[in-house]
Each structure stands twice: as structure tokens, then as C-alpha cells.
Amino acid sequence: MSFGNKPVDGGNLLFSTDDVNALRLTKKQQEKFIRRIYGSAEFIRGLSRYCLWIEDEYLDEALAIEPIRQRIEEVRKMRLASRAKDANDMAARSHQFREMNIGKTQTIAVAAISSENRQFLPCGLLSPHETITNKVYALYDAPLWNMALIASRLHWVWIGTVCVRMRTDFSYSNTLGWNTFPVPTLTEQNKIDLTRCAEDILLAREHYFPATIADMYDRDRMDSEFPLVREAHDRNDEILERIYIGRRFKNDTERLEKLFEMYSKMTSQQKSGKKSGKRKTKGAK
């Protein structure tokens, strides 16, 4: 799981809908140079935000468009004026974010900051023409069953316990939360079942379009206004928890106890491997 793309741009690589319209680009130019981008707020609340996304091979073409050239020049000035050396170094490629990560097929995204009042973490699927800021974490081109793990109540309980908080909000972490999350060895059938669960969650959300994650996961509205989303999550938890213990957990306390039991075994095995001189390669979930 990777951190999103940090602009370091003084706001010049980011656009509102009106800003995009003001560029007066052709449809082809928009498809080549403009992408929808999500931070935590945009992802959860469905807000529209866009960015310049210029691959090196298209830089000359982009610079021939005066409003884009002006934006890139402002980024260059901002980075050169910064006291941070890494920002100064990035001035040489002022047409790009600090990172330029994007999924070739799909991106599983999870908001970095979200309210503890939701019963599930805000996560979802983005297309290859969409990207994220550093306020969102991503699994680029990962199998969809990974989303079933992130969307589970088990993962919500784990994140709420092991990750730091921003006031009372959850602050997601790939190192503290995702990398440490204990998962049993999954069979191919398990992965097929969990893939279907993730698809069902996405289809349930689509049913209520244009409702946002903020709408559908509101604790006071989810059961009454968005029952299909609740049912999809219940099926996901049912299938995943049976993989863990052969039945549903009774409550969050039991979930957490099982996760820490597994985590303790996992870390003990890792320590044992180090003492014996064996190196273990950590793979993706």
C-alpha cells in the first residue's frame, strides 16, 4: 500500500471545475492533461477536484498551451523559493507532482483521515484516469479482494486501535495499520468469495448514485436509507469472519482479541526467522 501523490505546487497543479473550463482545452487535450484527483474530503464527500497530469513525453505539447505553461512556471517559482532542498530539486520537473503514481488498471483507495462515527472505513475503486493526493492511500493494480479486507469491520477495529488519531478522527496508516493487519492464509476460493463481496459493495453504492460515501455511511442513515449497502457489508463480514474463526464474531472485543492473538504469533514467527538467519520476503496481501 502506497501513500498518495503530494503536489508541492502552491496550488497551481490543482483545479476546480471552473478552473478546468477556463483552460478552454479540447476534449482530447483534457483527456491527455487533466485527471480527477481525490483527497480524503473529495473521496468521502464526492467533491470535484482536478489536476494537471503531464507525462514527460507530452511536456512540449502541454507547454504550447499558454494557461498550462503559466501554471507550470508558477510551480517552478514556488519550488525554487522554498527553503526545502527537495522542493528546489523538483523545480526541474515543475509540470509534475512529487510522486506520479497511478493504477494502470484500477486503484483501491482508502481515505487517510475519516470520522470514527462511520462503522466502516471509506474505501473504494478508482479508474486509471483518476488519481489521489497524499491524503489517500492506495493499492495500485491490486486484486479486488483486498478491498473486502479494508471494508470489513475487522479492519475498522484494528485501525481504530493501532493507528494514531487526528483529534477523534481515524488517521489511516499503511505501516501501522495495513502492514500489521493479521490475515489468515487465503485459499483461491476465499479470494473469489471476497472479490464478489467487494463487487457487491460497489454495486450497492452504485444503486444509490449520486449519494456519496458521506451519505451512505452516515450511522443514522445507513440502515434506513441505504439498506443494500448495509446488506453488502454484512455479507462481507460474514464471509471474512468465517475465514478467521468459522463463524461471526460476537462483538468488536472478540474481533480485537483474535487479531492480537494472530499478530502475536505473526511477530513471534518473524523474530524466530531473524534469529535463525532466515530472511522472509513480505508479499502483498
C-alpha atoms as a PDB file:
ATOM      1  CA  MET A   1       0.000   0.000   0.000  1.00  0.00           C
ATOM      2  CA  SER A   2       1.378   3.391  -1.023  1.00  0.00           C
ATOM      3  CA  PHE A   3       0.952   6.974   0.118  1.00  0.00           C
ATOM      4  CA  GLY A   4      -0.727   9.192  -2.474  1.00  0.00           C
ATOM      5  CA  ASN A   5       0.835  11.848  -4.679  1.00  0.00           C
ATOM      6  CA  LYS A   6       1.977  15.051  -2.963  1.00  0.00           C
ATOM      7  CA  PRO A   7       1.635  18.137  -5.226  1.00  0.00           C
ATOM      8  CA  VAL A   8       4.217  20.539  -3.655  1.00  0.00           C
ATOM      9  CA  ASP A   9       2.798  23.064  -6.131  1.00  0.00           C
ATOM     10  CA  GLY A  10       1.477  26.122  -4.300  1.00  0.00           C
ATOM     11  CA  GLY A  11      -1.947  25.125  -5.610  1.00  0.00           C
ATOM     12  CA  ASN A  12      -1.006  25.565  -9.256  1.00  0.00           C
ATOM     13  CA  LEU A  13      -1.376  21.951 -10.370  1.00  0.00           C
ATOM     14  CA  LEU A  14      -4.844  21.625  -8.813  1.00  0.00           C
ATOM     15  CA  PHE A  15      -8.110  22.818 -10.368  1.00  0.00           C
ATOM     16  CA  SER A  16     -11.781  23.333  -9.617  1.00  0.00           C
ATOM     17  CA  THR A  17     -14.336  22.577 -12.330  1.00  0.00           C
ATOM     18  CA  ASP A  18     -14.398  26.287 -13.237  1.00  0.00           C
ATOM     19  CA  ASP A  19     -10.607  26.335 -13.462  1.00  0.00           C
ATOM     20  CA  VAL A  20     -10.671  23.444 -15.925  1.00  0.00           C
ATOM     21  CA  ASN A  21     -13.332  25.152 -18.052  1.00  0.00           C
ATOM     22  CA  ALA A  22     -11.251  28.345 -18.091  1.00  0.00           C
ATOM     23  CA  LEU A  23      -8.391  26.490 -19.757  1.00  0.00           C
ATOM     24  CA  ARG A  24     -10.608  26.032 -22.851  1.00  0.00           C
ATOM     25  CA  LEU A  25      -8.972  22.743 -23.746  1.00  0.00           C
ATOM     26  CA  THR A  26     -10.236  20.450 -26.452  1.00  0.00           C
ATOM     27  CA  LYS A  27     -11.700  17.124 -25.356  1.00  0.00           C
ATOM     28  CA  LYS A  28      -8.527  15.377 -26.498  1.00  0.00           C
ATOM     29  CA  GLN A  29      -6.335  17.796 -24.521  1.00  0.00           C
ATOM     30  CA  GLN A  30      -8.454  17.319 -21.394  1.00  0.00           C
ATOM     31  CA  GLU A  31      -8.141  13.565 -21.664  1.00  0.00           C
ATOM     32  CA  LYS A  32      -4.371  13.878 -22.032  1.00  0.00           C
ATOM     33  CA  PHE A  33      -3.569  16.521 -19.396  1.00  0.00           C
ATOM     34  CA  ILE A  34      -6.407  16.643 -16.846  1.00  0.00           C
ATOM     35  CA  ARG A  35      -7.344  13.997 -14.304  1.00  0.00           C
ATOM     36  CA  ARG A  36      -9.847  13.911 -11.489  1.00  0.00           C
ATOM     37  CA  ILE A  37      -7.998  13.806  -8.169  1.00  0.00           C
ATOM     38  CA  TYR A  38      -9.127  12.789  -4.707  1.00  0.00           C
ATOM     39  CA  GLY A  39      -8.017  13.780  -1.249  1.00  0.00           C
ATOM     40  CA  SER A  40      -9.897  12.439   1.768  1.00  0.00           C
ATOM     41  CA  ALA A  41     -12.624  15.109   1.541  1.00  0.00           C
ATOM     42  CA  GLU A  42     -13.170  14.643  -2.207  1.00  0.00           C
ATOM     43  CA  PHE A  43     -13.257  10.864  -1.845  1.00  0.00           C
ATOM     44  CA  ILE A  44     -15.711  10.834   1.062  1.00  0.00           C
ATOM     45  CA  ARG A  45     -17.946  13.759   0.128  1.00  0.00           C
ATOM     46  CA  GLY A  46     -17.890  13.382  -3.651  1.00  0.00           C
ATOM     47  CA  LEU A  47     -16.345  16.808  -4.257  1.00  0.00           C
ATOM     48  CA  SER A  48     -14.982  17.568  -7.725  1.00  0.00           C
ATOM     49  CA  ARG A  49     -11.311  18.439  -7.992  1.00  0.00           C
ATOM     50  CA  TYR A  50      -8.905  18.052 -10.875  1.00  0.00           C
ATOM     51  CA  CYS A  51      -5.185  18.265 -11.555  1.00  0.00           C
ATOM     52  CA  LEU A  52      -2.638  18.678 -14.297  1.00  0.00           C
ATOM     53  CA  TRP A  53      -1.166  15.252 -15.012  1.00  0.00           C
ATOM     54  CA  ILE A  54       1.555  15.566 -17.622  1.00  0.00           C
ATOM     55  CA  GLU A  55       3.727  12.659 -18.653  1.00  0.00           C
ATOM     56  CA  ASP A  56       7.235  13.687 -19.747  1.00  0.00           C
ATOM     57  CA  GLU A  57       6.637  12.627 -23.343  1.00  0.00           C
ATOM     58  CA  TYR A  58       3.795  15.163 -23.650  1.00  0.00           C
ATOM     59  CA  LEU A  59       5.535  18.096 -21.928  1.00  0.00           C
ATOM     60  CA  ASP A  60       6.292  20.083 -25.086  1.00  0.00           C
ATOM     61  CA  GLU A  61       2.689  19.759 -26.208  1.00  0.00           C
ATOM     62  CA  ALA A  62       1.450  20.903 -22.809  1.00  0.00           C
ATOM     63  CA  LEU A  63       3.812  23.901 -22.724  1.00  0.00           C
ATOM     64  CA  ALA A  64       2.379  25.068 -26.053  1.00  0.00           C
ATOM     65  CA  ILE A  65      -0.913  25.732 -24.207  1.00  0.00           C
ATOM     66  CA  GLU A  66      -0.377  29.143 -22.606  1.00  0.00           C
ATOM     67  CA  PRO A  67      -2.578  28.758 -19.466  1.00  0.00           C
ATOM     68  CA  ILE A  68      -0.873  25.447 -18.693  1.00  0.00           C
ATOM     69  CA  ARG A  69       2.586  26.925 -19.316  1.00  0.00           C
ATOM     70  CA  GLN A  70       1.784  29.723 -16.871  1.00  0.00           C
ATOM     71  CA  ARG A  71       0.698  27.238 -14.206  1.00  0.00           C
ATOM     72  CA  ILE A  72       3.892  25.222 -14.625  1.00  0.00           C
ATOM     73  CA  GLU A  73       6.004  28.372 -14.388  1.00  0.00           C
ATOM     74  CA  GLU A  74       4.301  29.314 -11.097  1.00  0.00           C
ATOM     75  CA  VAL A  75       5.110  25.868  -9.717  1.00  0.00           C
ATOM     76  CA  ARG A  76       8.756  26.321 -10.742  1.00  0.00           C
ATOM     77  CA  LYS A  77       8.973  29.692  -8.965  1.00  0.00           C
ATOM     78  CA  MET A  78       7.312  28.315  -5.839  1.00  0.00           C
ATOM     79  CA  ARG A  79       9.676  25.350  -5.624  1.00  0.00           C
ATOM     80  CA  LEU A  80      12.789  27.445  -6.203  1.00  0.00           C
ATOM     81  CA  ALA A  81      11.701  29.886  -3.482  1.00  0.00           C
ATOM     82  CA  SER A  82      11.172  27.094  -0.958  1.00  0.00           C
ATOM     83  CA  ARG A  83      13.632  26.583   1.892  1.00  0.00           C
ATOM     84  CA  ALA A  84      13.353  22.825   1.405  1.00  0.00           C
ATOM     85  CA  LYS A  85      16.086  21.370  -0.803  1.00  0.00           C
ATOM     86  CA  ASP A  86      13.857  18.572  -2.087  1.00  0.00           C
ATOM     87  CA  ALA A  87      11.364  21.196  -3.289  1.00  0.00           C
ATOM     88  CA  ASN A  88      14.219  23.089  -5.005  1.00  0.00           C
ATOM     89  CA  ASP A  89      15.280  19.885  -6.746  1.00  0.00           C
ATOM     90  CA  MET A  90      11.748  19.309  -8.001  1.00  0.00           C
ATOM     91  CA  ALA A  91      11.748  22.664  -9.810  1.00  0.00           C
ATOM     92  CA  ALA A  92      13.370  20.873 -12.740  1.00  0.00           C
ATOM     93  CA  ARG A  93      10.109  18.998 -13.312  1.00  0.00           C
ATOM     94  CA  SER A  94       7.562  21.613 -12.337  1.00  0.00           C
ATOM     95  CA  HIS A  95       4.923  20.029 -14.558  1.00  0.00           C
ATOM     96  CA  GLN A  96       4.602  17.089 -12.161  1.00  0.00           C
ATOM     97  CA  PHE A  97       3.720  16.169  -8.591  1.00  0.00           C
ATOM     98  CA  ARG A  98       6.439  14.927  -6.260  1.00  0.00           C
ATOM     99  CA  GLU A  99       5.142  11.391  -6.953  1.00  0.00           C
ATOM    100  CA  MET A 100       3.449  10.297 -10.154  1.00  0.00           C
ATOM    101  CA  ASN A 101       1.771   7.064  -9.079  1.00  0.00           C
ATOM    102  CA  ILE A 102      -1.382   5.865 -10.796  1.00  0.00           C
ATOM    103  CA  GLY A 103      -3.016   2.494 -11.399  1.00  0.00           C
ATOM    104  CA  LYS A 104      -2.779   1.046 -14.891  1.00  0.00           C
ATOM    105  CA  THR A 105      -5.969  -0.971 -14.442  1.00  0.00           C
ATOM    106  CA  GLN A 106      -7.525   0.181 -11.167  1.00  0.00           C
ATOM    107  CA  THR A 107      -6.695   1.690  -7.777  1.00  0.00           C
ATOM    108  CA  ILE A 108      -8.105   0.563  -4.437  1.00  0.00           C
ATOM    109  CA  ALA A 109      -8.187   3.723  -2.335  1.00  0.00           C
ATOM    110  CA  VAL A 110      -8.750   4.381   1.371  1.00  0.00           C
ATOM    111  CA  ALA A 111      -9.091   7.830   2.922  1.00  0.00           C
ATOM    112  CA  ALA A 112      -6.199   8.830   5.183  1.00  0.00           C
ATOM    113  CA  ILE A 113      -8.472  10.815   7.539  1.00  0.00           C
ATOM    114  CA  SER A 114     -12.044   9.768   8.308  1.00  0.00           C
ATOM    115  CA  SER A 115     -14.624  10.022  11.079  1.00  0.00           C
ATOM    116  CA  GLU A 116     -14.759   7.368  13.777  1.00  0.00           C
ATOM    117  CA  ASN A 117     -18.564   7.673  13.630  1.00  0.00           C
ATOM    118  CA  ARG A 118     -18.722   5.512  10.491  1.00  0.00           C
ATOM    119  CA  GLN A 119     -18.895   1.770  11.054  1.00  0.00           C
ATOM    120  CA  PHE A 120     -16.631   1.008   8.088  1.00  0.00           C
ATOM    121  CA  LEU A 121     -13.569   2.707   6.615  1.00  0.00           C
ATOM    122  CA  PRO A 122     -14.132   4.848   3.493  1.00  0.00           C
ATOM    123  CA  CYS A 123     -12.567   2.865   0.675  1.00  0.00           C
ATOM    124  CA  GLY A 124     -13.358   2.260  -2.963  1.00  0.00           C
ATOM    125  CA  LEU A 125     -12.187   1.747  -6.511  1.00  0.00           C
ATOM    126  CA  LEU A 126     -10.786   4.383  -8.873  1.00  0.00           C
ATOM    127  CA  SER A 127     -10.306   4.161 -12.618  1.00  0.00           C
ATOM    128  CA  PRO A 128      -6.949   4.525 -14.451  1.00  0.00           C
ATOM    129  CA  HIS A 129      -7.916   8.107 -15.339  1.00  0.00           C
ATOM    130  CA  GLU A 130      -8.274   9.133 -11.688  1.00  0.00           C
ATOM    131  CA  THR A 131      -5.558   9.753  -9.120  1.00  0.00           C
ATOM    132  CA  ILE A 132      -5.092  10.676  -5.462  1.00  0.00           C
ATOM    133  CA  THR A 133      -3.301  13.189  -3.259  1.00  0.00           C
ATOM    134  CA  ASN A 134      -1.226  12.336  -0.204  1.00  0.00           C
ATOM    135  CA  LYS A 135      -4.475  12.411   1.829  1.00  0.00           C
ATOM    136  CA  VAL A 136      -5.407   8.991   0.447  1.00  0.00           C
ATOM    137  CA  TYR A 137      -3.626   5.630   0.487  1.00  0.00           C
ATOM    138  CA  ALA A 138      -3.702   3.307  -2.493  1.00  0.00           C
ATOM    139  CA  LEU A 139      -3.186  -0.242  -3.644  1.00  0.00           C
ATOM    140  CA  TYR A 140      -2.302   0.177  -7.304  1.00  0.00           C
ATOM    141  CA  ASP A 141      -3.472  -2.639  -9.602  1.00  0.00           C
ATOM    142  CA  ALA A 142      -4.083  -4.929  -6.617  1.00  0.00           C
ATOM    143  CA  PRO A 143      -6.657  -7.763  -6.725  1.00  0.00           C
ATOM    144  CA  LEU A 144     -10.097  -6.515  -5.747  1.00  0.00           C
ATOM    145  CA  TRP A 145     -10.407  -8.907  -2.809  1.00  0.00           C
ATOM    146  CA  ASN A 146      -8.032  -6.583  -0.925  1.00  0.00           C
ATOM    147  CA  MET A 147     -10.872  -4.063  -0.783  1.00  0.00           C
ATOM    148  CA  ALA A 148     -13.014  -6.624   1.053  1.00  0.00           C
ATOM    149  CA  LEU A 149     -10.377  -6.678   3.805  1.00  0.00           C
ATOM    150  CA  ILE A 150     -10.214  -2.891   4.073  1.00  0.00           C
ATOM    151  CA  ALA A 151     -14.025  -2.555   4.035  1.00  0.00           C
ATOM    152  CA  SER A 152     -14.512  -5.087   6.838  1.00  0.00           C
ATOM    153  CA  ARG A 153     -15.481  -4.416  10.426  1.00  0.00           C
ATOM    154  CA  LEU A 154     -12.360  -6.359  11.421  1.00  0.00           C
ATOM    155  CA  HIS A 155     -10.120  -3.821   9.714  1.00  0.00           C
ATOM    156  CA  TRP A 156     -12.089  -0.906  11.201  1.00  0.00           C
ATOM    157  CA  VAL A 157     -11.491  -2.307  14.697  1.00  0.00           C
ATOM    158  CA  TRP A 158      -7.791  -2.841  14.003  1.00  0.00           C
ATOM    159  CA  ILE A 159      -7.218   0.639  12.580  1.00  0.00           C
ATOM    160  CA  GLY A 160      -9.137   2.246  15.432  1.00  0.00           C
ATOM    161  CA  THR A 161      -6.819   0.534  17.908  1.00  0.00           C
ATOM    162  CA  VAL A 162      -3.320   0.597  16.403  1.00  0.00           C
ATOM    163  CA  CYS A 163      -3.298   3.832  14.396  1.00  0.00           C
ATOM    164  CA  VAL A 164      -2.963   7.356  15.783  1.00  0.00           C
ATOM    165  CA  ARG A 165      -5.896   9.774  15.844  1.00  0.00           C
ATOM    166  CA  MET A 166      -6.432  13.266  14.484  1.00  0.00           C
ATOM    167  CA  ARG A 167      -8.479  14.525  17.408  1.00  0.00           C
ATOM    168  CA  THR A 168     -11.185  11.811  17.376  1.00  0.00           C
ATOM    169  CA  ASP A 169     -10.878  11.008  13.652  1.00  0.00           C
ATOM    170  CA  PHE A 170      -9.123   7.920  12.347  1.00  0.00           C
ATOM    171  CA  SER A 171      -5.736   8.576  10.778  1.00  0.00           C
ATOM    172  CA  TYR A 172      -5.061   5.637   8.499  1.00  0.00           C
ATOM    173  CA  SER A 173      -1.507   4.349   8.110  1.00  0.00           C
ATOM    174  CA  ASN A 174      -0.080   1.855   5.668  1.00  0.00           C
ATOM    175  CA  THR A 175       2.784   0.956   8.016  1.00  0.00           C
ATOM    176  CA  LEU A 176       0.915   0.881  11.331  1.00  0.00           C
ATOM    177  CA  GLY A 177      -2.445  -0.324  10.008  1.00  0.00           C
ATOM    178  CA  TRP A 178      -2.288  -2.199   6.717  1.00  0.00           C
ATOM    179  CA  ASN A 179       1.132  -3.858   7.016  1.00  0.00           C
ATOM    180  CA  THR A 180       0.371  -5.114  10.530  1.00  0.00           C
ATOM    181  CA  PHE A 181      -3.188  -6.326   9.844  1.00  0.00           C
ATOM    182  CA  PRO A 182      -3.257 -10.093  10.522  1.00  0.00           C
ATOM    183  CA  VAL A 183      -4.868 -12.105   7.717  1.00  0.00           C
ATOM    184  CA  PRO A 184      -5.153 -15.904   7.591  1.00  0.00           C
ATOM    185  CA  THR A 185      -3.737 -17.730   4.607  1.00  0.00           C
ATOM    186  CA  LEU A 186      -6.391 -17.339   1.915  1.00  0.00           C
ATOM    187  CA  THR A 187      -7.338 -20.090  -0.492  1.00  0.00           C
ATOM    188  CA  GLU A 188      -8.192 -19.312  -4.087  1.00  0.00           C
ATOM    189  CA  GLN A 189     -11.860 -19.867  -3.242  1.00  0.00           C
ATOM    190  CA  ASN A 190     -11.559 -17.411  -0.339  1.00  0.00           C
ATOM    191  CA  LYS A 191     -10.193 -14.804  -2.755  1.00  0.00           C
ATOM    192  CA  ILE A 192     -13.025 -15.468  -5.226  1.00  0.00           C
ATOM    193  CA  ASP A 193     -15.603 -15.087  -2.449  1.00  0.00           C
ATOM    194  CA  LEU A 194     -14.040 -11.873  -1.146  1.00  0.00           C
ATOM    195  CA  THR A 195     -13.779 -10.444  -4.661  1.00  0.00           C
ATOM    196  CA  ARG A 196     -17.520 -10.972  -5.037  1.00  0.00           C
ATOM    197  CA  CYS A 197     -18.083  -9.258  -1.689  1.00  0.00           C
ATOM    198  CA  ALA A 198     -16.131  -6.193  -2.829  1.00  0.00           C
ATOM    199  CA  GLU A 199     -18.069  -6.141  -6.111  1.00  0.00           C
ATOM    200  CA  ASP A 200     -21.366  -6.334  -4.199  1.00  0.00           C
ATOM    201  CA  ILE A 201     -20.389  -3.360  -2.023  1.00  0.00           C
ATOM    202  CA  LEU A 202     -19.532  -1.317  -5.113  1.00  0.00           C
ATOM    203  CA  LEU A 203     -22.763  -2.328  -6.869  1.00  0.00           C
ATOM    204  CA  ALA A 204     -24.824  -1.448  -3.785  1.00  0.00           C
ATOM    205  CA  ARG A 205     -23.269   2.025  -3.723  1.00  0.00           C
ATOM    206  CA  GLU A 206     -23.926   2.437  -7.437  1.00  0.00           C
ATOM    207  CA  HIS A 207     -27.595   1.699  -6.806  1.00  0.00           C
ATOM    208  CA  TYR A 208     -27.843   4.890  -4.707  1.00  0.00           C
ATOM    209  CA  PHE A 209     -25.905   7.176  -7.058  1.00  0.00           C
ATOM    210  CA  PRO A 210     -25.346  10.142  -6.668  1.00  0.00           C
ATOM    211  CA  ALA A 211     -25.291   9.563  -2.899  1.00  0.00           C
ATOM    212  CA  THR A 212     -21.748   9.899  -1.536  1.00  0.00           C
ATOM    213  CA  ILE A 213     -19.797   7.811   0.946  1.00  0.00           C
ATOM    214  CA  ALA A 214     -20.589  10.513   3.495  1.00  0.00           C
ATOM    215  CA  ASP A 215     -24.302   9.966   2.813  1.00  0.00           C
ATOM    216  CA  MET A 216     -24.351   6.178   2.632  1.00  0.00           C
ATOM    217  CA  TYR A 217     -22.131   5.549   5.658  1.00  0.00           C
ATOM    218  CA  ASP A 218     -23.813   8.034   7.971  1.00  0.00           C
ATOM    219  CA  ARG A 219     -24.509   5.976  11.087  1.00  0.00           C
ATOM    220  CA  ASP A 220     -28.028   7.422  11.436  1.00  0.00           C
ATOM    221  CA  ARG A 221     -28.990   6.902   7.778  1.00  0.00           C
ATOM    222  CA  MET A 222     -27.267   3.732   6.619  1.00  0.00           C
ATOM    223  CA  ASP A 223     -29.864   1.172   7.739  1.00  0.00           C
ATOM    224  CA  SER A 224     -32.952   3.159   6.798  1.00  0.00           C
ATOM    225  CA  GLU A 225     -31.893   4.916   3.585  1.00  0.00           C
ATOM    226  CA  PHE A 226     -29.159   2.670   2.161  1.00  0.00           C
ATOM    227  CA  PRO A 227     -30.058  -0.895   3.219  1.00  0.00           C
ATOM    228  CA  LEU A 228     -28.361  -2.522   0.216  1.00  0.00           C
ATOM    229  CA  VAL A 229     -25.028  -1.093   1.316  1.00  0.00           C
ATOM    230  CA  ARG A 230     -25.567  -2.410   4.843  1.00  0.00           C
ATOM    231  CA  GLU A 231     -26.510  -5.856   3.494  1.00  0.00           C
ATOM    232  CA  ALA A 232     -23.415  -5.972   1.271  1.00  0.00           C
ATOM    233  CA  HIS A 233     -21.176  -5.168   4.242  1.00  0.00           C
ATOM    234  CA  ASP A 234     -22.930  -7.756   6.395  1.00  0.00           C
ATOM    235  CA  ARG A 235     -22.247 -10.421   3.735  1.00  0.00           C
ATOM    236  CA  ASN A 236     -18.636  -9.294   3.510  1.00  0.00           C
ATOM    237  CA  ASP A 237     -18.191  -9.578   7.278  1.00  0.00           C
ATOM    238  CA  GLU A 238     -19.965 -12.934   7.354  1.00  0.00           C
ATOM    239  CA  ILE A 239     -17.669 -14.457   4.731  1.00  0.00           C
ATOM    240  CA  LEU A 240     -14.454 -12.892   6.041  1.00  0.00           C
ATOM    241  CA  GLU A 241     -15.065 -13.706   9.701  1.00  0.00           C
ATOM    242  CA  ARG A 242     -15.835 -17.332   8.878  1.00  0.00           C
ATOM    243  CA  ILE A 243     -12.403 -17.477   7.250  1.00  0.00           C
ATOM    244  CA  TYR A 244     -10.923 -16.322  10.567  1.00  0.00           C
ATOM    245  CA  ILE A 245     -12.853 -18.456  13.092  1.00  0.00           C
ATOM    246  CA  GLY A 246     -15.561 -20.410  11.245  1.00  0.00           C
ATOM    247  CA  ARG A 247     -18.381 -18.133  12.457  1.00  0.00           C
ATOM    248  CA  ARG A 248     -19.278 -14.488  13.016  1.00  0.00           C
ATOM    249  CA  PHE A 249     -17.554 -12.734  15.872  1.00  0.00           C
ATOM    250  CA  LYS A 250     -19.820 -11.854  18.784  1.00  0.00           C
ATOM    251  CA  ASN A 251     -18.571  -8.265  19.107  1.00  0.00           C
ATOM    252  CA  ASP A 252     -15.648  -5.926  18.492  1.00  0.00           C
ATOM    253  CA  THR A 253     -13.893  -7.078  21.667  1.00  0.00           C
ATOM    254  CA  GLU A 254     -13.760 -10.635  20.360  1.00  0.00           C
ATOM    255  CA  ARG A 255     -12.570  -9.359  16.979  1.00  0.00           C
ATOM    256  CA  LEU A 256      -9.737  -7.447  18.573  1.00  0.00           C
ATOM    257  CA  GLU A 257      -8.719 -10.350  20.798  1.00  0.00           C
ATOM    258  CA  LYS A 258      -8.412 -12.643  17.790  1.00  0.00           C
ATOM    259  CA  LEU A 259      -6.460 -10.075  15.777  1.00  0.00           C
ATOM    260  CA  PHE A 260      -3.932  -9.506  18.575  1.00  0.00           C
ATOM    261  CA  GLU A 261      -3.589 -13.258  19.073  1.00  0.00           C
ATOM    262  CA  MET A 262      -2.757 -13.612  15.375  1.00  0.00           C
ATOM    263  CA  TYR A 263      -0.483 -10.569  15.448  1.00  0.00           C
ATOM    264  CA  SER A 264       1.451 -12.000  18.395  1.00  0.00           C
ATOM    265  CA  LYS A 265       2.023 -15.273  16.517  1.00  0.00           C
ATOM    266  CA  MET A 266       2.958 -13.389  13.356  1.00  0.00           C
ATOM    267  CA  THR A 267       5.604 -11.249  15.098  1.00  0.00           C
ATOM    268  CA  SER A 268       6.950 -14.243  17.040  1.00  0.00           C
ATOM    269  CA  GLN A 269       7.489 -16.118  13.769  1.00  0.00           C
ATOM    270  CA  GLN A 270       9.236 -13.094  12.266  1.00  0.00           C
ATOM    271  CA  LYS A 271      11.581 -12.832  15.286  1.00  0.00           C
ATOM    272  CA  SER A 272      12.259 -16.557  15.125  1.00  0.00           C
ATOM    273  CA  GLY A 273      13.123 -16.256  11.435  1.00  0.00           C
ATOM    274  CA  LYS A 274      15.607 -13.457  12.136  1.00  0.00           C
ATOM    275  CA  LYS A 275      17.326 -15.419  14.926  1.00  0.00           C
ATOM    276  CA  SER A 276      17.769 -18.440  12.683  1.00  0.00           C
ATOM    277  CA  GLY A 277      19.281 -16.239   9.988  1.00  0.00           C
ATOM    278  CA  LYS A 278      16.395 -16.676   7.570  1.00  0.00           C
ATOM    279  CA  ARG A 279      15.094 -13.680   5.683  1.00  0.00           C
ATOM    280  CA  LYS A 280      11.406 -13.556   4.876  1.00  0.00           C
ATOM    281  CA  THR A 281      10.092 -11.571   1.943  1.00  0.00           C
ATOM    282  CA  LYS A 282       6.877  -9.756   2.814  1.00  0.00           C
ATOM    283  CA  GLY A 283       4.417 -10.063  -0.024  1.00  0.00           C
ATOM    284  CA  ALA A 284       1.282  -8.123  -0.746  1.00  0.00           C
ATOM    285  CA  LYS A 285      -1.925  -9.336   0.817  1.00  0.00           C
END
